[in-house]
PDB file of N, CA and C in Angstrom:
ATOM      1  N   MET A   1     -20.900  13.117  -0.998  1.00  0.00           N
ATOM      2  CA  MET A   1     -20.152  12.047  -1.637  1.00  0.00           C
ATOM      3  C   MET A   1     -20.301  10.767  -0.816  1.00  0.00           C
ATOM      4  N   MET A   2     -20.461   9.659  -1.486  1.00  0.00           N
ATOM      5  CA  MET A   2     -20.645   8.370  -0.836  1.00  0.00           C
ATOM      6  C   MET A   2     -19.325   7.864  -0.232  1.00  0.00           C
ATOM      7  N   ASN A   3     -19.388   7.278   0.964  1.00  0.00           N
ATOM      8  CA  ASN A   3     -18.218   6.696   1.593  1.00  0.00           C
ATOM      9  C   ASN A   3     -17.847   5.413   0.860  1.00  0.00           C
ATOM     10  N   ARG A   4     -16.645   5.350   0.345  1.00  0.00           N
ATOM     11  CA  ARG A   4     -16.182   4.198  -0.428  1.00  0.00           C
ATOM     12  C   ARG A   4     -15.560   3.108   0.444  1.00  0.00           C
ATOM     13  N   GLY A   5     -15.245   3.410   1.684  1.00  0.00           N
ATOM     14  CA  GLY A   5     -14.628   2.439   2.566  1.00  0.00           C
ATOM     15  C   GLY A   5     -13.727   3.133   3.569  1.00  0.00           C
ATOM     16  N   ARG A   6     -13.133   2.330   4.433  1.00  0.00           N
ATOM     17  CA  ARG A   6     -12.290   2.863   5.505  1.00  0.00           C
ATOM     18  C   ARG A   6     -10.870   2.345   5.328  1.00  0.00           C
ATOM     19  N   ILE A   7      -9.901   3.262   5.315  1.00  0.00           N
ATOM     20  CA  ILE A   7      -8.501   2.916   5.079  1.00  0.00           C
ATOM     21  C   ILE A   7      -7.648   3.393   6.240  1.00  0.00           C
ATOM     22  N   LEU A   8      -6.725   2.536   6.661  1.00  0.00           N
ATOM     23  CA  LEU A   8      -5.734   2.894   7.671  1.00  0.00           C
ATOM     24  C   LEU A   8      -4.434   3.213   6.948  1.00  0.00           C
ATOM     25  N   VAL A   9      -3.952   4.448   7.088  1.00  0.00           N
ATOM     26  CA  VAL A   9      -2.707   4.898   6.461  1.00  0.00           C
ATOM     27  C   VAL A   9      -1.636   4.981   7.536  1.00  0.00           C
ATOM     28  N   VAL A  10      -0.510   4.279   7.305  1.00  0.00           N
ATOM     29  CA  VAL A  10       0.561   4.203   8.294  1.00  0.00           C
ATOM     30  C   VAL A  10       1.859   4.670   7.650  1.00  0.00           C
ATOM     31  N   ASP A  11       2.412   5.770   8.148  1.00  0.00           N
ATOM     32  CA  ASP A  11       3.656   6.299   7.599  1.00  0.00           C
ATOM     33  C   ASP A  11       4.317   7.173   8.645  1.00  0.00           C
ATOM     34  N   GLY A  12       5.604   7.001   8.843  1.00  0.00           N
ATOM     35  CA  GLY A  12       6.343   7.785   9.818  1.00  0.00           C
ATOM     36  C   GLY A  12       6.573   9.220   9.401  1.00  0.00           C
ATOM     37  N   ASP A  13       6.452   9.483   8.110  1.00  0.00           N
ATOM     38  CA  ASP A  13       6.646  10.833   7.602  1.00  0.00           C
ATOM     39  C   ASP A  13       5.309  11.573   7.612  1.00  0.00           C
ATOM     40  N   GLU A  14       5.224  12.624   8.414  1.00  0.00           N
ATOM     41  CA  GLU A  14       3.960  13.336   8.585  1.00  0.00           C
ATOM     42  C   GLU A  14       3.439  13.932   7.270  1.00  0.00           C
ATOM     43  N   THR A  15       4.329  14.463   6.447  1.00  0.00           N
ATOM     44  CA  THR A  15       3.909  15.065   5.180  1.00  0.00           C
ATOM     45  C   THR A  15       3.313  14.010   4.250  1.00  0.00           C
ATOM     46  N   SER A  16       3.993  12.882   4.112  1.00  0.00           N
ATOM     47  CA  SER A  16       3.481  11.801   3.254  1.00  0.00           C
ATOM     48  C   SER A  16       2.142  11.289   3.756  1.00  0.00           C
ATOM     49  N   ARG A  17       2.055  11.110   5.060  1.00  0.00           N
ATOM     50  CA  ARG A  17       0.822  10.604   5.678  1.00  0.00           C
ATOM     51  C   ARG A  17      -0.340  11.571   5.434  1.00  0.00           C
ATOM     52  N   SER A  18      -0.098  12.849   5.607  1.00  0.00           N
ATOM     53  CA  SER A  18      -1.148  13.861   5.415  1.00  0.00           C
ATOM     54  C   SER A  18      -1.579  13.966   3.961  1.00  0.00           C
ATOM     55  N   LEU A  19      -0.610  13.954   3.046  1.00  0.00           N
ATOM     56  CA  LEU A  19      -0.944  14.038   1.614  1.00  0.00           C
ATOM     57  C   LEU A  19      -1.775  12.840   1.172  1.00  0.00           C
ATOM     58  N   LEU A  20      -1.374  11.645   1.602  1.00  0.00           N
ATOM     59  CA  LEU A  20      -2.119  10.445   1.241  1.00  0.00           C
ATOM     60  C   LEU A  20      -3.517  10.476   1.845  1.00  0.00           C
ATOM     61  N   ARG A  21      -3.606  10.928   3.071  1.00  0.00           N
ATOM     62  CA  ARG A  21      -4.913  11.044   3.747  1.00  0.00           C
ATOM     63  C   ARG A  21      -5.835  11.979   2.970  1.00  0.00           C
ATOM     64  N   GLU A  22      -5.356  13.163   2.642  1.00  0.00           N
ATOM     65  CA  GLU A  22      -6.180  14.139   1.928  1.00  0.00           C
ATOM     66  C   GLU A  22      -6.592  13.640   0.545  1.00  0.00           C
ATOM     67  N   CYS A  23      -5.689  12.989  -0.148  1.00  0.00           N
ATOM     68  CA  CYS A  23      -6.006  12.425  -1.468  1.00  0.00           C
ATOM     69  C   CYS A  23      -7.112  11.382  -1.356  1.00  0.00           C
ATOM     70  N   LEU A  24      -6.997  10.475  -0.404  1.00  0.00           N
ATOM     71  CA  LEU A  24      -8.003   9.421  -0.243  1.00  0.00           C
ATOM     72  C   LEU A  24      -9.352   9.994   0.190  1.00  0.00           C
ATOM     73  N   ILE A  25      -9.335  10.981   1.054  1.00  0.00           N
ATOM     74  CA  ILE A  25     -10.580  11.630   1.472  1.00  0.00           C
ATOM     75  C   ILE A  25     -11.262  12.272   0.268  1.00  0.00           C
ATOM     76  N   SER A  26     -10.475  12.880  -0.616  1.00  0.00           N
ATOM     77  CA  SER A  26     -11.063  13.528  -1.794  1.00  0.00           C
ATOM     78  C   SER A  26     -11.743  12.520  -2.718  1.00  0.00           C
ATOM     79  N   PHE A  27     -11.360  11.254  -2.634  1.00  0.00           N
ATOM     80  CA  PHE A  27     -11.997  10.199  -3.418  1.00  0.00           C
ATOM     81  C   PHE A  27     -13.145   9.524  -2.663  1.00  0.00           C
ATOM     82  N   GLY A  28     -13.453  10.014  -1.470  1.00  0.00           N
ATOM     83  CA  GLY A  28     -14.603   9.521  -0.732  1.00  0.00           C
ATOM     84  C   GLY A  28     -14.311   8.446   0.296  1.00  0.00           C
ATOM     85  N   TYR A  29     -13.041   8.217   0.627  1.00  0.00           N
ATOM     86  CA  TYR A  29     -12.706   7.221   1.639  1.00  0.00           C
ATOM     87  C   TYR A  29     -12.653   7.853   3.020  1.00  0.00           C
ATOM     88  N   GLU A  30     -13.002   7.080   4.020  1.00  0.00           N
ATOM     89  CA  GLU A  30     -12.784   7.487   5.408  1.00  0.00           C
ATOM     90  C   GLU A  30     -11.374   7.027   5.761  1.00  0.00           C
ATOM     91  N   VAL A  31     -10.582   7.900   6.353  1.00  0.00           N
ATOM     92  CA  VAL A  31      -9.171   7.592   6.581  1.00  0.00           C
ATOM     93  C   VAL A  31      -8.811   7.782   8.047  1.00  0.00           C
ATOM     94  N   VAL A  32      -8.116   6.789   8.582  1.00  0.00           N
ATOM     95  CA  VAL A  32      -7.531   6.854   9.915  1.00  0.00           C
ATOM     96  C   VAL A  32      -6.022   6.761   9.699  1.00  0.00           C
ATOM     97  N   THR A  33      -5.238   7.546  10.448  1.00  0.00           N
ATOM     98  CA  THR A  33      -3.788   7.520  10.259  1.00  0.00           C
ATOM     99  C   THR A  33      -3.071   7.048  11.514  1.00  0.00           C
ATOM    100  N   ALA A  34      -1.853   6.544  11.275  1.00  0.00           N
ATOM    101  CA  ALA A  34      -0.963   6.145  12.358  1.00  0.00           C
ATOM    102  C   ALA A  34       0.457   6.504  11.936  1.00  0.00           C
ATOM    103  N   SER A  35       1.290   6.898  12.891  1.00  0.00           N
ATOM    104  CA  SER A  35       2.642   7.341  12.581  1.00  0.00           C
ATOM    105  C   SER A  35       3.669   6.209  12.596  1.00  0.00           C
ATOM    106  N   ASP A  36       3.290   5.038  13.070  1.00  0.00           N
ATOM    107  CA  ASP A  36       4.188   3.881  13.052  1.00  0.00           C
ATOM    108  C   ASP A  36       3.378   2.602  13.227  1.00  0.00           C
ATOM    109  N   GLY A  37       4.053   1.476  13.112  1.00  0.00           N
ATOM    110  CA  GLY A  37       3.373   0.185  13.181  1.00  0.00           C
ATOM    111  C   GLY A  37       2.720  -0.087  14.523  1.00  0.00           C
ATOM    112  N   LYS A  38       3.345   0.358  15.602  1.00  0.00           N
ATOM    113  CA  LYS A  38       2.751   0.132  16.918  1.00  0.00           C
ATOM    114  C   LYS A  38       1.424   0.876  17.052  1.00  0.00           C
ATOM    115  N   GLU A  39       1.413   2.129  16.626  1.00  0.00           N
ATOM    116  CA  GLU A  39       0.170   2.903  16.688  1.00  0.00           C
ATOM    117  C   GLU A  39      -0.898   2.275  15.790  1.00  0.00           C
ATOM    118  N   ALA A  40      -0.483   1.771  14.638  1.00  0.00           N
ATOM    119  CA  ALA A  40      -1.433   1.115  13.727  1.00  0.00           C
ATOM    120  C   ALA A  40      -2.050  -0.116  14.380  1.00  0.00           C
ATOM    121  N   LEU A  41      -1.226  -0.925  15.043  1.00  0.00           N
ATOM    122  CA  LEU A  41      -1.762  -2.102  15.737  1.00  0.00           C
ATOM    123  C   LEU A  41      -2.747  -1.702  16.825  1.00  0.00           C
ATOM    124  N   ASP A  42      -2.467  -0.606  17.507  1.00  0.00           N
ATOM    125  CA  ASP A  42      -3.377  -0.121  18.553  1.00  0.00           C
ATOM    126  C   ASP A  42      -4.715   0.329  17.972  1.00  0.00           C
ATOM    127  N   LYS A  43      -4.699   0.888  16.746  1.00  0.00           N
ATOM    128  CA  LYS A  43      -5.922   1.425  16.127  1.00  0.00           C
ATOM    129  C   LYS A  43      -6.685   0.391  15.299  1.00  0.00           C
ATOM    130  N   PHE A  44      -6.010  -0.688  14.921  1.00  0.00           N
ATOM    131  CA  PHE A  44      -6.636  -1.667  14.020  1.00  0.00           C
ATOM    132  C   PHE A  44      -7.692  -2.490  14.750  1.00  0.00           C
ATOM    133  N   ILE A  45      -8.855  -2.594  14.112  1.00  0.00           N
ATOM    134  CA  ILE A  45      -9.937  -3.445  14.600  1.00  0.00           C
ATOM    135  C   ILE A  45     -10.365  -4.330  13.433  1.00  0.00           C
ATOM    136  N   PRO A  46     -10.262  -5.660  13.578  1.00  0.00           N
ATOM    137  CA  PRO A  46     -10.647  -6.542  12.474  1.00  0.00           C
ATOM    138  C   PRO A  46     -12.070  -6.267  11.998  1.00  0.00           C
ATOM    139  N   GLY A  47     -12.235  -6.233  10.684  1.00  0.00           N
ATOM    140  CA  GLY A  47     -13.544  -6.022  10.093  1.00  0.00           C
ATOM    141  C   GLY A  47     -13.949  -4.569   9.939  1.00  0.00           C
ATOM    142  N   VAL A  48     -13.191  -3.645  10.532  1.00  0.00           N
ATOM    143  CA  VAL A  48     -13.527  -2.229  10.462  1.00  0.00           C
ATOM    144  C   VAL A  48     -12.874  -1.562   9.249  1.00  0.00           C
ATOM    145  N   PHE A  49     -11.651  -1.980   8.917  1.00  0.00           N
ATOM    146  CA  PHE A  49     -10.919  -1.382   7.808  1.00  0.00           C
ATOM    147  C   PHE A  49     -11.006  -2.263   6.566  1.00  0.00           C
ATOM    148  N   ASP A  50     -11.120  -1.601   5.414  1.00  0.00           N
ATOM    149  CA  ASP A  50     -11.125  -2.311   4.139  1.00  0.00           C
ATOM    150  C   ASP A  50      -9.719  -2.502   3.606  1.00  0.00           C
ATOM    151  N   CYS A  51      -8.807  -1.615   3.991  1.00  0.00           N
ATOM    152  CA  CYS A  51      -7.459  -1.633   3.445  1.00  0.00           C
ATOM    153  C   CYS A  51      -6.510  -0.935   4.403  1.00  0.00           C
ATOM    154  N   VAL A  52      -5.251  -1.386   4.390  1.00  0.00           N
ATOM    155  CA  VAL A  52      -4.176  -0.710   5.113  1.00  0.00           C
ATOM    156  C   VAL A  52      -3.123  -0.328   4.078  1.00  0.00           C
ATOM    157  N   ILE A  53      -2.694   0.924   4.109  1.00  0.00           N
ATOM    158  CA  ILE A  53      -1.587   1.380   3.272  1.00  0.00           C
ATOM    159  C   ILE A  53      -0.466   1.749   4.232  1.00  0.00           C
ATOM    160  N   SER A  54       0.669   1.057   4.104  1.00  0.00           N
ATOM    161  CA  SER A  54       1.740   1.231   5.083  1.00  0.00           C
ATOM    162  C   SER A  54       3.087   1.429   4.413  1.00  0.00           C
ATOM    163  N   ASP A  55       3.876   2.317   5.001  1.00  0.00           N
ATOM    164  CA  ASP A  55       5.266   2.463   4.609  1.00  0.00           C
ATOM    165  C   ASP A  55       6.000   1.195   5.025  1.00  0.00           C
ATOM    166  N   LEU A  56       7.039   0.861   4.284  1.00  0.00           N
ATOM    167  CA  LEU A  56       7.837  -0.320   4.597  1.00  0.00           C
ATOM    168  C   LEU A  56       8.740  -0.083   5.801  1.00  0.00           C
ATOM    169  N   PHE A  57       9.422   1.064   5.829  1.00  0.00           N
ATOM    170  CA  PHE A  57      10.409   1.343   6.871  1.00  0.00           C
ATOM    171  C   PHE A  57       9.881   2.367   7.861  1.00  0.00           C
ATOM    172  N   MET A  58       9.670   1.903   9.097  1.00  0.00           N
ATOM    173  CA  MET A  58       9.168   2.760  10.167  1.00  0.00           C
ATOM    174  C   MET A  58       9.824   2.353  11.474  1.00  0.00           C
ATOM    175  N   PRO A  59       9.856   3.271  12.448  1.00  0.00           N
ATOM    176  CA  PRO A  59      10.379   2.893  13.766  1.00  0.00           C
ATOM    177  C   PRO A  59       9.409   1.965  14.498  1.00  0.00           C
ATOM    178  N   LYS A  60       9.925   1.324  15.522  1.00  0.00           N
ATOM    179  CA  LYS A  60       9.166   0.440  16.414  1.00  0.00           C
ATOM    180  C   LYS A  60       8.742  -0.841  15.716  1.00  0.00           C
ATOM    181  N   ILE A  61       7.759  -0.787  14.839  1.00  0.00           N
ATOM    182  CA  ILE A  61       7.298  -1.955  14.078  1.00  0.00           C
ATOM    183  C   ILE A  61       7.275  -1.557  12.611  1.00  0.00           C
ATOM    184  N   ASP A  62       8.058  -2.255  11.776  1.00  0.00           N
ATOM    185  CA  ASP A  62       8.110  -1.887  10.360  1.00  0.00           C
ATOM    186  C   ASP A  62       6.911  -2.461   9.605  1.00  0.00           C
ATOM    187  N   GLY A  63       6.826  -2.132   8.329  1.00  0.00           N
ATOM    188  CA  GLY A  63       5.682  -2.526   7.520  1.00  0.00           C
ATOM    189  C   GLY A  63       5.499  -4.026   7.382  1.00  0.00           C
ATOM    190  N   LEU A  64       6.603  -4.771   7.263  1.00  0.00           N
ATOM    191  CA  LEU A  64       6.475  -6.230   7.126  1.00  0.00           C
ATOM    192  C   LEU A  64       5.959  -6.873   8.404  1.00  0.00           C
ATOM    193  N   GLU A  65       6.460  -6.414   9.539  1.00  0.00           N
ATOM    194  CA  GLU A  65       5.972  -6.953  10.809  1.00  0.00           C
ATOM    195  C   GLU A  65       4.517  -6.554  11.042  1.00  0.00           C
ATOM    196  N   LEU A  66       4.167  -5.346  10.642  1.00  0.00           N
ATOM    197  CA  LEU A  66       2.775  -4.915  10.734  1.00  0.00           C
ATOM    198  C   LEU A  66       1.880  -5.801   9.884  1.00  0.00           C
ATOM    199  N   LEU A  67       2.303  -6.073   8.658  1.00  0.00           N
ATOM    200  CA  LEU A  67       1.548  -6.964   7.772  1.00  0.00           C
ATOM    201  C   LEU A  67       1.337  -8.329   8.426  1.00  0.00           C
ATOM    202  N   ARG A  68       2.401  -8.912   8.966  1.00  0.00           N
ATOM    203  CA  ARG A  68       2.290 -10.228   9.624  1.00  0.00           C
ATOM    204  C   ARG A  68       1.258 -10.185  10.767  1.00  0.00           C
ATOM    205  N   ASN A  69       1.350  -9.156  11.591  1.00  0.00           N
ATOM    206  CA  ASN A  69       0.443  -9.038  12.740  1.00  0.00           C
ATOM    207  C   ASN A  69      -1.008  -8.829  12.316  1.00  0.00           C
ATOM    208  N   LEU A  70      -1.227  -7.986  11.322  1.00  0.00           N
ATOM    209  CA  LEU A  70      -2.603  -7.706  10.902  1.00  0.00           C
ATOM    210  C   LEU A  70      -3.241  -8.899  10.214  1.00  0.00           C
ATOM    211  N   LYS A  71      -2.456  -9.649   9.439  1.00  0.00           N
ATOM    212  CA  LYS A  71      -3.004 -10.831   8.765  1.00  0.00           C
ATOM    213  C   LYS A  71      -3.402 -11.918   9.766  1.00  0.00           C
ATOM    214  N   ILE A  72      -2.762 -11.947  10.924  1.00  0.00           N
ATOM    215  CA  ILE A  72      -3.176 -12.871  11.985  1.00  0.00           C
ATOM    216  C   ILE A  72      -4.547 -12.461  12.513  1.00  0.00           C
ATOM    217  N   GLN A  73      -4.766 -11.156  12.634  1.00  0.00           N
ATOM    218  CA  GLN A  73      -6.030 -10.642  13.162  1.00  0.00           C
ATOM    219  C   GLN A  73      -7.165 -10.689  12.133  1.00  0.00           C
ATOM    220  N   ASP A  74      -6.821 -10.445  10.857  1.00  0.00           N
ATOM    221  CA  ASP A  74      -7.843 -10.356   9.813  1.00  0.00           C
ATOM    222  C   ASP A  74      -7.250 -10.813   8.483  1.00  0.00           C
ATOM    223  N   LYS A  75      -7.451 -12.078   8.157  1.00  0.00           N
ATOM    224  CA  LYS A  75      -6.863 -12.657   6.943  1.00  0.00           C
ATOM    225  C   LYS A  75      -7.354 -11.998   5.658  1.00  0.00           C
ATOM    226  N   SER A  76      -8.503 -11.345   5.695  1.00  0.00           N
ATOM    227  CA  SER A  76      -9.079 -10.770   4.479  1.00  0.00           C
ATOM    228  C   SER A  76      -8.688  -9.314   4.235  1.00  0.00           C
ATOM    229  N   ILE A  77      -7.914  -8.717   5.143  1.00  0.00           N
ATOM    230  CA  ILE A  77      -7.561  -7.303   4.980  1.00  0.00           C
ATOM    231  C   ILE A  77      -6.653  -7.106   3.766  1.00  0.00           C
ATOM    232  N   TYR A  78      -6.955  -6.100   2.966  1.00  0.00           N
ATOM    233  CA  TYR A  78      -6.072  -5.720   1.853  1.00  0.00           C
ATOM    234  C   TYR A  78      -4.961  -4.866   2.428  1.00  0.00           C
ATOM    235  N   PHE A  79      -3.729  -5.122   1.995  1.00  0.00           N
ATOM    236  CA  PHE A  79      -2.564  -4.430   2.552  1.00  0.00           C
ATOM    237  C   PHE A  79      -1.676  -3.970   1.416  1.00  0.00           C
ATOM    238  N   LEU A  80      -1.462  -2.657   1.313  1.00  0.00           N
ATOM    239  CA  LEU A  80      -0.579  -2.084   0.300  1.00  0.00           C
ATOM    240  C   LEU A  80       0.665  -1.556   0.991  1.00  0.00           C
ATOM    241  N   MET A  81       1.836  -1.996   0.507  1.00  0.00           N
ATOM    242  CA  MET A  81       3.103  -1.566   1.080  1.00  0.00           C
ATOM    243  C   MET A  81       3.705  -0.501   0.169  1.00  0.00           C
ATOM    244  N   ILE A  82       4.143   0.597   0.757  1.00  0.00           N
ATOM    245  CA  ILE A  82       4.773   1.665  -0.008  1.00  0.00           C
ATOM    246  C   ILE A  82       6.156   1.944   0.578  1.00  0.00           C
ATOM    247  N   THR A  83       7.010   2.569  -0.220  1.00  0.00           N
ATOM    248  CA  THR A  83       8.327   2.965   0.274  1.00  0.00           C
ATOM    249  C   THR A  83       8.824   4.154  -0.525  1.00  0.00           C
ATOM    250  N   GLY A  84       9.700   4.924   0.089  1.00  0.00           N
ATOM    251  CA  GLY A  84      10.303   6.057  -0.581  1.00  0.00           C
ATOM    252  C   GLY A  84      11.480   5.669  -1.453  1.00  0.00           C
ATOM    253  N   TYR A  85      11.890   4.399  -1.387  1.00  0.00           N
ATOM    254  CA  TYR A  85      13.008   3.949  -2.213  1.00  0.00           C
ATOM    255  C   TYR A  85      12.590   3.895  -3.669  1.00  0.00           C
ATOM    256  N   GLN A  86      13.521   4.223  -4.559  1.00  0.00           N
ATOM    257  CA  GLN A  86      13.211   4.301  -5.981  1.00  0.00           C
ATOM    258  C   GLN A  86      13.158   2.949  -6.664  1.00  0.00           C
ATOM    259  N   SER A  87      13.682   1.913  -6.029  1.00  0.00           N
ATOM    260  CA  SER A  87      13.673   0.589  -6.662  1.00  0.00           C
ATOM    261  C   SER A  87      13.474  -0.489  -5.611  1.00  0.00           C
ATOM    262  N   ILE A  88      13.016  -1.634  -6.057  1.00  0.00           N
ATOM    263  CA  ILE A  88      12.873  -2.787  -5.171  1.00  0.00           C
ATOM    264  C   ILE A  88      14.240  -3.189  -4.641  1.00  0.00           C
ATOM    265  N   GLU A  89      15.241  -3.151  -5.524  1.00  0.00           N
ATOM    266  CA  GLU A  89      16.595  -3.527  -5.129  1.00  0.00           C
ATOM    267  C   GLU A  89      17.107  -2.635  -3.992  1.00  0.00           C
ATOM    268  N   GLY A  90      16.839  -1.336  -4.092  1.00  0.00           N
ATOM    269  CA  GLY A  90      17.273  -0.408  -3.039  1.00  0.00           C
ATOM    270  C   GLY A  90      16.596  -0.700  -1.712  1.00  0.00           C
ATOM    271  N   ALA A  91      15.315  -0.982  -1.752  1.00  0.00           N
ATOM    272  CA  ALA A  91      14.579  -1.290  -0.529  1.00  0.00           C
ATOM    273  C   ALA A  91      15.050  -2.609   0.068  1.00  0.00           C
ATOM    274  N   VAL A  92      15.280  -3.604  -0.787  1.00  0.00           N
ATOM    275  CA  VAL A  92      15.735  -4.913  -0.302  1.00  0.00           C
ATOM    276  C   VAL A  92      17.130  -4.821   0.267  1.00  0.00           C
ATOM    277  N   SER A  93      18.038  -4.125  -0.416  1.00  0.00           N
ATOM    278  CA  SER A  93      19.410  -4.033   0.063  1.00  0.00           C
ATOM    279  C   SER A  93      19.501  -3.241   1.364  1.00  0.00           C
ATOM    280  N   ARG A  94      18.600  -2.315   1.568  1.00  0.00           N
ATOM    281  CA  ARG A  94      18.583  -1.546   2.804  1.00  0.00           C
ATOM    282  C   ARG A  94      18.350  -2.458   3.997  1.00  0.00           C
ATOM    283  N   ASP A  95      17.545  -3.494   3.824  1.00  0.00           N
ATOM    284  CA  ASP A  95      17.218  -4.406   4.920  1.00  0.00           C
ATOM    285  C   ASP A  95      17.838  -5.784   4.766  1.00  0.00           C
ATOM    286  N   ALA A  96      18.819  -5.935   3.915  1.00  0.00           N
ATOM    287  CA  ALA A  96      19.434  -7.250   3.698  1.00  0.00           C
ATOM    288  C   ALA A  96      19.969  -7.857   4.977  1.00  0.00           C
ATOM    289  N   GLY A  97      20.505  -7.039   5.856  1.00  0.00           N
ATOM    290  CA  GLY A  97      21.047  -7.532   7.115  1.00  0.00           C
ATOM    291  C   GLY A  97      20.007  -8.018   8.089  1.00  0.00           C
ATOM    292  N   ARG A  98      18.749  -7.658   7.863  1.00  0.00           N
ATOM    293  CA  ARG A  98      17.677  -8.076   8.784  1.00  0.00           C
ATOM    294  C   ARG A  98      16.986  -9.344   8.317  1.00  0.00           C
ATOM    295  N   GLY A  99      17.389  -9.887   7.166  1.00  0.00           N
ATOM    296  CA  GLY A  99      16.789 -11.137   6.694  1.00  0.00           C
ATOM    297  C   GLY A  99      15.436 -10.975   6.049  1.00  0.00           C
ATOM    298  N   LEU A 100      15.146  -9.787   5.527  1.00  0.00           N
ATOM    299  CA  LEU A 100      13.850  -9.558   4.890  1.00  0.00           C
ATOM    300  C   LEU A 100      13.899  -9.887   3.432  1.00  0.00           C
TER     301      LEU A 100
END
């Protein structure tokens, strides 16, 4: 199978991270994983990844801060944010106190 690209998957939940990794591999993507935003920043190399898929809520560095940091390093990186919350309102209200 042809390699379709390289994706960095970032999620604090090991089960979610593994399932997403296996699904993407089955579609022909090369996948690197990280368990939180700090680990993702350590693994990220500009120009190496085609896309980052990141959970919104993680310890150490959350998804929004990760997005800000990666866009400074590589303005062209595609970034998909995911969350376990069932609605945008639920995700927003969870972090309302943090000014997000």
